[in-house]
Structure formats: structure tokens, C-alpha cells
Amino acid sequence: MKKQPKHKCEGERQSSWRFTSGYAKCGYNASVCYNGKWYCGIHDPLRIKAKQDVRDEMYKAKWAKSAEARRRRQAEYQYCQKLDTEYLETHVGKEQVNMSSWGKVEKC
């Protein structure tokens, strides 16, 4: 019985030669056939896609959390500004409050 030749990975890797640039074929023994091409475990397109999807979900959660914190800070700031101007208008007097200077009291 004849041994079948081992397939080599058709994925690309960055060339490790010092004075060359570009990409070269991986050369590892292939273990996965995808769309008629053979890939090793490192360059398997389905594995790469799955890892990228997990990474994207992690970053989406992180961005959603920071966006919620930003929205909350803006709402708190606007609420505090409203309280400051209402307090000053009722306790100091409307004519002394300069609304264009963020609710600060003008000096007479």
C-alpha cells in the first residue's frame, strides 16, 4: 500500500528573512481542507473567523459599557447644571444669574 503524500499548508506567513519583505507559504503539515485548499491549525480560516468573532464581541461589550458610562456622565452633568441654575435663580435672584456663563453668579 502506497503512502499518500502529506499536504502542506497553503496559508501565508510573513517572511522571516532579514532582508526580504513579503509573504511566504506556511509550510506546516496541513490538517484541514477548506474550499479545496489545505491549511494547518494556525491558518484554518474557520478557526481564524471564530477567534475574530469572539474578539469582536468582547470589544463590542467594552464599547457599549464605555458608551453607557459616557451617556450617564453627560446626563449627570446636565442634571447638575439644571439644579445649579434653578437654585441660583430661586435663592440669589434671576437678575444676578448670568445664564451664558454656566450658571455662575455675577459680581455686582
N, C-alpha and C. Protein backbone atom coordinates (compact mmCIF):
# COMPACT_ATOMS: atom_id res chain seq x y z
N MET A 1 0.83 -1.18 0.00
CA MET A 1 0.00 0.00 0.00
C MET A 1 0.88 1.25 0.00
N LYS A 2 0.53 2.14 -0.86
CA LYS A 2 1.30 3.35 -1.04
C LYS A 2 0.86 4.42 -0.04
N LYS A 3 1.82 5.10 0.57
CA LYS A 3 1.50 6.21 1.48
C LYS A 3 1.11 7.43 0.68
N GLN A 4 0.07 8.08 1.15
CA GLN A 4 -0.33 9.31 0.49
C GLN A 4 0.60 10.44 0.94
N PRO A 5 0.95 11.31 0.03
CA PRO A 5 1.83 12.41 0.44
C PRO A 5 1.07 13.36 1.37
N LYS A 6 1.80 13.92 2.33
CA LYS A 6 1.20 14.86 3.26
C LYS A 6 1.00 16.19 2.55
N HIS A 7 -0.11 16.79 2.81
CA HIS A 7 -0.40 18.11 2.25
C HIS A 7 0.29 19.17 3.10
N LYS A 8 0.72 20.21 2.45
CA LYS A 8 1.33 21.33 3.15
C LYS A 8 0.33 22.49 3.21
N CYS A 9 0.45 23.29 4.24
CA CYS A 9 -0.45 24.42 4.44
C CYS A 9 -0.26 25.45 3.34
N GLU A 10 -1.37 25.97 2.85
CA GLU A 10 -1.31 27.00 1.80
C GLU A 10 -1.50 28.40 2.37
N GLY A 11 -1.55 28.49 3.70
CA GLY A 11 -1.66 29.80 4.33
C GLY A 11 -0.37 30.57 4.17
N GLU A 12 -0.47 31.88 4.31
CA GLU A 12 0.71 32.72 4.16
C GLU A 12 1.19 33.20 5.51
N ARG A 13 2.46 33.37 5.63
CA ARG A 13 3.07 33.92 6.83
C ARG A 13 4.05 34.99 6.38
N GLN A 14 4.39 35.88 7.27
CA GLN A 14 5.35 36.91 6.92
C GLN A 14 6.72 36.28 6.81
N SER A 15 7.44 36.67 5.82
CA SER A 15 8.76 36.11 5.58
C SER A 15 9.68 36.44 6.75
N SER A 16 10.45 35.46 7.18
CA SER A 16 11.32 35.68 8.33
C SER A 16 12.74 36.07 7.92
N TRP A 17 12.95 36.17 6.62
CA TRP A 17 14.28 36.56 6.18
C TRP A 17 14.51 38.03 6.51
N ARG A 18 15.72 38.33 6.86
CA ARG A 18 16.03 39.65 7.35
C ARG A 18 15.92 40.74 6.26
N PHE A 19 16.40 40.45 5.08
CA PHE A 19 16.48 41.49 4.06
C PHE A 19 15.41 41.35 2.98
N THR A 20 14.41 40.55 3.23
CA THR A 20 13.32 40.42 2.27
C THR A 20 12.03 40.87 2.92
N SER A 21 11.13 41.29 2.12
CA SER A 21 9.82 41.66 2.65
C SER A 21 8.79 40.87 1.88
N GLY A 22 7.65 40.71 2.46
CA GLY A 22 6.59 40.00 1.78
C GLY A 22 6.19 38.76 2.54
N TYR A 23 5.49 37.90 1.86
CA TYR A 23 4.93 36.73 2.49
C TYR A 23 5.42 35.48 1.81
N ALA A 24 5.42 34.40 2.55
CA ALA A 24 5.81 33.09 2.03
C ALA A 24 4.77 32.08 2.47
N LYS A 25 4.73 30.93 1.82
CA LYS A 25 3.80 29.89 2.24
C LYS A 25 4.22 29.35 3.59
N CYS A 26 3.25 28.90 4.35
CA CYS A 26 3.49 28.46 5.72
C CYS A 26 4.42 27.24 5.75
N GLY A 27 4.05 26.18 5.08
CA GLY A 27 4.90 25.00 5.03
C GLY A 27 4.63 23.96 6.10
N TYR A 28 3.79 24.24 7.09
CA TYR A 28 3.44 23.22 8.08
C TYR A 28 2.59 22.14 7.43
N ASN A 29 2.54 20.98 8.07
CA ASN A 29 1.66 19.92 7.58
C ASN A 29 0.21 20.36 7.75
N ALA A 30 -0.57 20.14 6.70
CA ALA A 30 -1.97 20.57 6.71
C ALA A 30 -2.84 19.56 7.43
N SER A 31 -3.88 20.04 8.06
CA SER A 31 -4.80 19.15 8.77
C SER A 31 -6.25 19.41 8.38
N VAL A 32 -6.53 20.54 7.73
CA VAL A 32 -7.90 20.92 7.40
C VAL A 32 -7.98 21.28 5.92
N CYS A 33 -9.00 20.76 5.24
CA CYS A 33 -9.23 21.13 3.85
C CYS A 33 -10.45 22.05 3.82
N TYR A 34 -10.28 23.23 3.25
CA TYR A 34 -11.36 24.21 3.17
C TYR A 34 -11.37 24.79 1.77
N ASN A 35 -12.50 24.65 1.08
CA ASN A 35 -12.66 25.11 -0.31
C ASN A 35 -11.55 24.59 -1.23
N GLY A 36 -11.17 23.35 -1.02
CA GLY A 36 -10.17 22.73 -1.88
C GLY A 36 -8.74 23.09 -1.56
N LYS A 37 -8.51 23.88 -0.53
CA LYS A 37 -7.15 24.24 -0.13
C LYS A 37 -6.88 23.65 1.25
N TRP A 38 -5.63 23.30 1.48
CA TRP A 38 -5.24 22.68 2.74
C TRP A 38 -4.59 23.72 3.65
N TYR A 39 -4.97 23.64 4.94
CA TYR A 39 -4.45 24.58 5.92
C TYR A 39 -4.03 23.84 7.18
N CYS A 40 -3.05 24.41 7.88
CA CYS A 40 -2.66 23.88 9.20
C CYS A 40 -3.62 24.44 10.25
N GLY A 41 -3.44 24.05 11.50
CA GLY A 41 -4.31 24.54 12.56
C GLY A 41 -4.20 26.03 12.80
N ILE A 42 -3.06 26.60 12.47
CA ILE A 42 -2.85 28.03 12.68
C ILE A 42 -3.60 28.86 11.64
N HIS A 43 -3.58 28.43 10.39
CA HIS A 43 -4.15 29.21 9.30
C HIS A 43 -5.53 28.73 8.85
N ASP A 44 -6.17 27.88 9.65
CA ASP A 44 -7.50 27.39 9.32
C ASP A 44 -8.48 28.58 9.28
N PRO A 45 -9.11 28.87 8.13
CA PRO A 45 -9.98 30.05 8.02
C PRO A 45 -11.16 30.03 8.99
N LEU A 46 -11.74 28.87 9.25
CA LEU A 46 -12.87 28.80 10.18
C LEU A 46 -12.43 29.10 11.61
N ARG A 47 -11.27 28.63 11.97
CA ARG A 47 -10.74 28.89 13.32
C ARG A 47 -10.42 30.37 13.47
N ILE A 48 -9.83 30.95 12.45
CA ILE A 48 -9.50 32.38 12.48
C ILE A 48 -10.78 33.21 12.60
N LYS A 49 -11.80 32.85 11.83
CA LYS A 49 -13.08 33.57 11.87
C LYS A 49 -13.73 33.47 13.24
N ALA A 50 -13.68 32.27 13.85
CA ALA A 50 -14.27 32.08 15.17
C ALA A 50 -13.55 32.94 16.22
N LYS A 51 -12.23 32.97 16.16
CA LYS A 51 -11.48 33.79 17.11
C LYS A 51 -11.76 35.28 16.92
N GLN A 52 -11.89 35.69 15.65
CA GLN A 52 -12.19 37.09 15.36
C GLN A 52 -13.58 37.47 15.86
N ASP A 53 -14.55 36.56 15.73
CA ASP A 53 -15.90 36.84 16.22
C ASP A 53 -15.92 36.99 17.74
N VAL A 54 -15.18 36.14 18.44
CA VAL A 54 -15.10 36.25 19.91
C VAL A 54 -14.47 37.58 20.30
N ARG A 55 -13.39 37.96 19.59
CA ARG A 55 -12.72 39.22 19.88
C ARG A 55 -13.64 40.41 19.60
N ASP A 56 -14.40 40.34 18.51
CA ASP A 56 -15.33 41.43 18.18
C ASP A 56 -16.42 41.57 19.23
N GLU A 57 -16.95 40.46 19.71
CA GLU A 57 -17.98 40.51 20.76
C GLU A 57 -17.41 41.12 22.04
N MET A 58 -16.17 40.78 22.37
CA MET A 58 -15.55 41.33 23.57
C MET A 58 -15.43 42.85 23.45
N TYR A 59 -14.96 43.33 22.29
CA TYR A 59 -14.81 44.76 22.11
C TYR A 59 -16.15 45.48 22.03
N LYS A 60 -17.16 44.85 21.43
CA LYS A 60 -18.49 45.47 21.39
C LYS A 60 -19.03 45.66 22.80
N ALA A 61 -18.82 44.67 23.67
CA ALA A 61 -19.26 44.79 25.06
C ALA A 61 -18.50 45.92 25.77
N LYS A 62 -17.21 46.00 25.50
CA LYS A 62 -16.39 47.05 26.11
C LYS A 62 -16.83 48.43 25.63
N TRP A 63 -17.07 48.58 24.33
CA TRP A 63 -17.50 49.86 23.78
C TRP A 63 -18.89 50.24 24.28
N ALA A 64 -19.78 49.25 24.40
CA ALA A 64 -21.13 49.54 24.91
C ALA A 64 -21.06 50.01 26.36
N LYS A 65 -20.18 49.40 27.14
CA LYS A 65 -20.03 49.79 28.54
C LYS A 65 -19.49 51.22 28.64
N SER A 66 -18.49 51.56 27.83
CA SER A 66 -17.94 52.92 27.89
C SER A 66 -18.94 53.94 27.35
N ALA A 67 -19.73 53.56 26.34
CA ALA A 67 -20.74 54.48 25.82
C ALA A 67 -21.82 54.73 26.85
N GLU A 68 -22.21 53.71 27.60
CA GLU A 68 -23.21 53.87 28.66
C GLU A 68 -22.66 54.76 29.77
N ALA A 69 -21.39 54.59 30.12
CA ALA A 69 -20.79 55.44 31.16
C ALA A 69 -20.73 56.89 30.68
N ARG A 70 -20.39 57.10 29.42
CA ARG A 70 -20.34 58.46 28.87
C ARG A 70 -21.73 59.09 28.87
N ARG A 71 -22.73 58.31 28.48
CA ARG A 71 -24.09 58.83 28.46
C ARG A 71 -24.54 59.19 29.88
N ARG A 72 -24.18 58.36 30.85
CA ARG A 72 -24.55 58.61 32.24
C ARG A 72 -23.87 59.86 32.77
N ARG A 73 -22.58 60.03 32.44
CA ARG A 73 -21.86 61.24 32.88
C ARG A 73 -22.47 62.49 32.28
N GLN A 74 -22.85 62.45 31.02
CA GLN A 74 -23.47 63.61 30.39
C GLN A 74 -24.81 63.93 31.04
N ALA A 75 -25.59 62.91 31.34
CA ALA A 75 -26.88 63.13 31.98
C ALA A 75 -26.70 63.72 33.38
N GLU A 76 -25.73 63.21 34.13
CA GLU A 76 -25.46 63.76 35.47
C GLU A 76 -25.01 65.21 35.38
N TYR A 77 -24.17 65.51 34.41
CA TYR A 77 -23.68 66.87 34.25
C TYR A 77 -24.83 67.82 33.92
N GLN A 78 -25.69 67.41 32.99
CA GLN A 78 -26.83 68.26 32.62
C GLN A 78 -27.78 68.42 33.80
N TYR A 79 -27.98 67.36 34.57
CA TYR A 79 -28.86 67.45 35.74
C TYR A 79 -28.26 68.42 36.76
N CYS A 80 -26.96 68.33 36.99
CA CYS A 80 -26.32 69.23 37.95
C CYS A 80 -26.38 70.67 37.47
N GLN A 81 -26.21 70.90 36.17
CA GLN A 81 -26.29 72.26 35.65
C GLN A 81 -27.70 72.83 35.85
N LYS A 82 -28.69 72.00 35.64
CA LYS A 82 -30.07 72.44 35.82
C LYS A 82 -30.33 72.79 37.28
N LEU A 83 -29.84 71.95 38.19
CA LEU A 83 -30.02 72.23 39.62
C LEU A 83 -29.30 73.51 40.02
N ASP A 84 -28.09 73.72 39.51
CA ASP A 84 -27.34 74.91 39.86
C ASP A 84 -28.09 76.17 39.43
N THR A 85 -28.58 76.21 38.20
CA THR A 85 -29.26 77.42 37.74
C THR A 85 -30.59 77.63 38.46
N GLU A 86 -31.33 76.53 38.72
CA GLU A 86 -32.59 76.68 39.46
C GLU A 86 -32.33 77.18 40.87
N TYR A 87 -31.34 76.64 41.53
CA TYR A 87 -31.02 77.07 42.89
C TYR A 87 -30.62 78.54 42.91
N LEU A 88 -29.77 78.93 41.98
CA LEU A 88 -29.32 80.31 41.95
C LEU A 88 -30.47 81.26 41.63
N GLU A 89 -31.34 80.87 40.72
CA GLU A 89 -32.47 81.73 40.36
C GLU A 89 -33.42 81.92 41.54
N THR A 90 -33.62 80.86 42.33
CA THR A 90 -34.57 80.99 43.44
C THR A 90 -33.95 81.66 44.66
N HIS A 91 -32.66 81.40 44.92
CA HIS A 91 -32.06 81.92 46.14
C HIS A 91 -31.27 83.20 45.96
N VAL A 92 -30.75 83.44 44.79
CA VAL A 92 -29.93 84.63 44.58
C VAL A 92 -30.72 85.70 43.85
N GLY A 93 -31.48 85.27 42.88
CA GLY A 93 -32.23 86.24 42.09
C GLY A 93 -31.90 86.09 40.62
N LYS A 94 -32.92 86.19 39.79
CA LYS A 94 -32.75 85.94 38.38
C LYS A 94 -31.87 86.99 37.71
N GLU A 95 -31.93 88.21 38.17
CA GLU A 95 -31.15 89.25 37.51
C GLU A 95 -29.66 89.13 37.75
N GLN A 96 -29.24 88.44 38.81
CA GLN A 96 -27.82 88.30 39.12
C GLN A 96 -27.20 87.06 38.48
N VAL A 97 -28.02 86.19 37.94
CA VAL A 97 -27.50 84.96 37.35
C VAL A 97 -27.26 85.18 35.87
N ASN A 98 -26.04 84.98 35.44
CA ASN A 98 -25.70 85.10 34.03
C ASN A 98 -25.81 83.70 33.43
N MET A 99 -26.84 83.46 32.61
CA MET A 99 -27.10 82.13 32.07
C MET A 99 -26.05 81.70 31.06
N SER A 100 -25.38 82.66 30.42
CA SER A 100 -24.38 82.30 29.42
C SER A 100 -23.06 81.87 30.04
N SER A 101 -22.86 82.13 31.33
CA SER A 101 -21.61 81.75 31.97
C SER A 101 -21.80 80.51 32.85
N TRP A 102 -22.58 79.56 32.39
CA TRP A 102 -22.76 78.25 33.02
C TRP A 102 -23.32 78.33 34.43
N GLY A 103 -24.18 79.29 34.69
CA GLY A 103 -24.89 79.35 35.96
C GLY A 103 -24.09 79.95 37.09
N LYS A 104 -23.04 80.69 36.80
CA LYS A 104 -22.26 81.32 37.86
C LYS A 104 -22.89 82.66 38.21
N VAL A 105 -22.66 83.08 39.43
CA VAL A 105 -23.24 84.34 39.91
C VAL A 105 -22.34 85.49 39.47
N GLU A 106 -22.97 86.51 38.91
CA GLU A 106 -22.20 87.70 38.54
C GLU A 106 -21.92 88.54 39.78
N LYS A 107 -20.78 89.16 39.76
CA LYS A 107 -20.45 90.07 40.85
C LYS A 107 -21.09 91.42 40.54
N CYS A 108 -21.71 92.03 41.56
CA CYS A 108 -22.37 93.32 41.37
C CYS A 108 -21.43 94.45 41.58
